[in-house]
Amino acid sequence: MKKMLKLALVLAMCAALSGCWTFDHQVGTGAQSGVSKKKKQWFALWGLVPLTTVDAKTLAGGAENYNIQTQQAIDDIVIGIITGWVTIYPQTVTVTK
């Protein structure tokens, strides 16, 4: 019973200390068509070392006007809780043309 209580406390602390965040950027006059593409970007050592690189310009497919949204949402946090013990964390990059 004590083990379960400790585990529940640790999980509650992990959930309470994690947070969602979003950065929005506009290129040119911003999105025109509403067509979006998403890609995960992975980091090691608590975000210090990028494991993958997402090129927003490539995701935009040659468009001159688009929005870029970089975020760590609830799905990224859940993945981070699972992979966090090896210090690997994801974030999602969305480009809307």
C-alpha atoms as a PDB file:
ATOM      1  CA  MET A   1       0.000   0.000   0.000  1.00  0.00           C
ATOM      2  CA  LYS A   2       2.834   2.412   0.832  1.00  0.00           C
ATOM      3  CA  LYS A   3       4.474   1.669  -2.522  1.00  0.00           C
ATOM      4  CA  MET A   4       1.298   2.591  -4.386  1.00  0.00           C
ATOM      5  CA  LEU A   5       0.969   5.811  -2.379  1.00  0.00           C
ATOM      6  CA  LYS A   6       4.576   6.766  -3.169  1.00  0.00           C
ATOM      7  CA  LEU A   7       4.053   6.003  -6.848  1.00  0.00           C
ATOM      8  CA  ALA A   8       0.859   8.067  -6.925  1.00  0.00           C
ATOM      9  CA  LEU A   9       2.673  10.956  -5.226  1.00  0.00           C
ATOM     10  CA  VAL A  10       5.545  10.830  -7.724  1.00  0.00           C
ATOM     11  CA  LEU A  11       3.132  10.746 -10.674  1.00  0.00           C
ATOM     12  CA  ALA A  12       1.142  13.653  -9.233  1.00  0.00           C
ATOM     13  CA  MET A  13       4.333  15.683  -8.792  1.00  0.00           C
ATOM     14  CA  CYS A  14       5.407  14.936 -12.368  1.00  0.00           C
ATOM     15  CA  ALA A  15       2.041  16.079 -13.676  1.00  0.00           C
ATOM     16  CA  ALA A  16       2.030  19.199 -11.497  1.00  0.00           C
ATOM     17  CA  LEU A  17       5.557  20.260 -12.420  1.00  0.00           C
ATOM     18  CA  SER A  18       5.132  19.803 -16.149  1.00  0.00           C
ATOM     19  CA  GLY A  19       3.580  22.499 -18.295  1.00  0.00           C
ATOM     20  CA  CYS A  20       2.416  23.139 -21.809  1.00  0.00           C
ATOM     21  CA  TRP A  21       3.873  25.968 -23.863  1.00  0.00           C
ATOM     22  CA  THR A  22       3.476  27.375 -27.372  1.00  0.00           C
ATOM     23  CA  PHE A  23       5.508  29.748 -29.556  1.00  0.00           C
ATOM     24  CA  ASP A  24       3.812  31.251 -32.623  1.00  0.00           C
ATOM     25  CA  HIS A  25       5.691  32.899 -35.503  1.00  0.00           C
ATOM     26  CA  GLN A  26       4.317  34.530 -38.631  1.00  0.00           C
ATOM     27  CA  VAL A  27       6.292  34.539 -41.873  1.00  0.00           C
ATOM     28  CA  GLY A  28       5.207  37.096 -44.466  1.00  0.00           C
ATOM     29  CA  THR A  29       1.508  37.868 -44.112  1.00  0.00           C
ATOM     30  CA  GLY A  30       0.755  34.577 -42.338  1.00  0.00           C
ATOM     31  CA  ALA A  31      -1.262  31.514 -43.271  1.00  0.00           C
ATOM     32  CA  GLN A  32      -3.561  31.855 -46.281  1.00  0.00           C
ATOM     33  CA  SER A  33      -4.982  28.392 -47.066  1.00  0.00           C
ATOM     34  CA  GLY A  34      -5.184  26.723 -43.640  1.00  0.00           C
ATOM     35  CA  VAL A  35      -3.293  23.603 -44.784  1.00  0.00           C
ATOM     36  CA  SER A  36      -1.083  22.298 -41.944  1.00  0.00           C
ATOM     37  CA  LYS A  37       1.820  19.881 -41.585  1.00  0.00           C
ATOM     38  CA  LYS A  38       3.136  18.590 -38.242  1.00  0.00           C
ATOM     39  CA  LYS A  39       6.431  17.048 -37.284  1.00  0.00           C
ATOM     40  CA  LYS A  40       8.004  16.012 -33.961  1.00  0.00           C
ATOM     41  CA  GLN A  41      11.365  17.386 -32.929  1.00  0.00           C
ATOM     42  CA  TRP A  42      13.366  15.381 -30.368  1.00  0.00           C
ATOM     43  CA  PHE A  43      15.922  16.604 -27.830  1.00  0.00           C
ATOM     44  CA  ALA A  44      18.290  14.884 -25.395  1.00  0.00           C
ATOM     45  CA  LEU A  45      19.820  16.119 -22.145  1.00  0.00           C
ATOM     46  CA  TRP A  46      16.706  18.082 -21.128  1.00  0.00           C
ATOM     47  CA  GLY A  47      16.544  19.986 -24.409  1.00  0.00           C
ATOM     48  CA  LEU A  48      20.218  20.865 -24.776  1.00  0.00           C
ATOM     49  CA  VAL A  49      21.078  18.497 -27.636  1.00  0.00           C
ATOM     50  CA  PRO A  50      18.773  18.290 -30.685  1.00  0.00           C
ATOM     51  CA  LEU A  51      18.379  14.735 -31.990  1.00  0.00           C
ATOM     52  CA  THR A  52      16.274  15.769 -34.998  1.00  0.00           C
ATOM     53  CA  THR A  53      15.895  19.051 -36.824  1.00  0.00           C
ATOM     54  CA  VAL A  54      12.600  20.233 -38.275  1.00  0.00           C
ATOM     55  CA  ASP A  55      12.981  22.703 -41.150  1.00  0.00           C
ATOM     56  CA  ALA A  56       9.870  24.892 -41.198  1.00  0.00           C
ATOM     57  CA  LYS A  57      10.708  26.227 -44.659  1.00  0.00           C
ATOM     58  CA  THR A  58      10.663  22.679 -46.052  1.00  0.00           C
ATOM     59  CA  LEU A  59       7.367  21.941 -44.292  1.00  0.00           C
ATOM     60  CA  ALA A  60       5.932  25.109 -45.868  1.00  0.00           C
ATOM     61  CA  GLY A  61       6.687  23.631 -49.287  1.00  0.00           C
ATOM     62  CA  GLY A  62       7.882  26.833 -50.938  1.00  0.00           C
ATOM     63  CA  ALA A  63       5.100  29.044 -49.567  1.00  0.00           C
ATOM     64  CA  GLU A  64       6.165  32.604 -48.795  1.00  0.00           C
ATOM     65  CA  ASN A  65       3.404  33.283 -46.251  1.00  0.00           C
ATOM     66  CA  TYR A  66       2.850  30.833 -43.400  1.00  0.00           C
ATOM     67  CA  ASN A  67       2.625  30.432 -39.619  1.00  0.00           C
ATOM     68  CA  ILE A  68       4.950  28.323 -37.480  1.00  0.00           C
ATOM     69  CA  GLN A  69       3.758  26.945 -34.145  1.00  0.00           C
ATOM     70  CA  THR A  70       6.252  25.208 -31.875  1.00  0.00           C
ATOM     71  CA  GLN A  71       4.678  23.627 -28.820  1.00  0.00           C
ATOM     72  CA  GLN A  72       4.932  21.116 -26.064  1.00  0.00           C
ATOM     73  CA  ALA A  73       1.392  19.879 -25.604  1.00  0.00           C
ATOM     74  CA  ILE A  74      -0.084  17.177 -23.397  1.00  0.00           C
ATOM     75  CA  ASP A  75       0.885  14.358 -25.792  1.00  0.00           C
ATOM     76  CA  ASP A  76       4.512  15.559 -25.762  1.00  0.00           C
ATOM     77  CA  ILE A  77       4.426  15.711 -21.957  1.00  0.00           C
ATOM     78  CA  VAL A  78       3.102  12.140 -21.710  1.00  0.00           C
ATOM     79  CA  ILE A  79       5.862  10.947 -24.058  1.00  0.00           C
ATOM     80  CA  GLY A  80       8.381  12.968 -22.022  1.00  0.00           C
ATOM     81  CA  ILE A  81       7.258  11.304 -18.797  1.00  0.00           C
ATOM     82  CA  ILE A  82       7.915   7.905 -20.371  1.00  0.00           C
ATOM     83  CA  THR A  83      11.233   8.835 -22.049  1.00  0.00           C
ATOM     84  CA  GLY A  84      12.370  11.402 -19.480  1.00  0.00           C
ATOM     85  CA  TRP A  85      14.396   8.930 -17.454  1.00  0.00           C
ATOM     86  CA  VAL A  86      16.823   8.837 -20.398  1.00  0.00           C
ATOM     87  CA  THR A  87      16.510  12.652 -20.767  1.00  0.00           C
ATOM     88  CA  ILE A  88      14.789  12.565 -24.179  1.00  0.00           C
ATOM     89  CA  TYR A  89      11.946  15.017 -24.769  1.00  0.00           C
ATOM     90  CA  PRO A  90       9.780  15.838 -27.816  1.00  0.00           C
ATOM     91  CA  GLN A  91       8.112  18.981 -29.082  1.00  0.00           C
ATOM     92  CA  THR A  92       5.729  19.456 -32.008  1.00  0.00           C
ATOM     93  CA  VAL A  93       6.308  21.881 -34.883  1.00  0.00           C
ATOM     94  CA  THR A  94       3.247  22.791 -36.986  1.00  0.00           C
ATOM     95  CA  VAL A  95       3.457  24.832 -40.187  1.00  0.00           C
ATOM     96  CA  THR A  96       0.212  26.246 -41.586  1.00  0.00           C
ATOM     97  CA  LYS A  97       0.267  27.624 -45.141  1.00  0.00           C
END
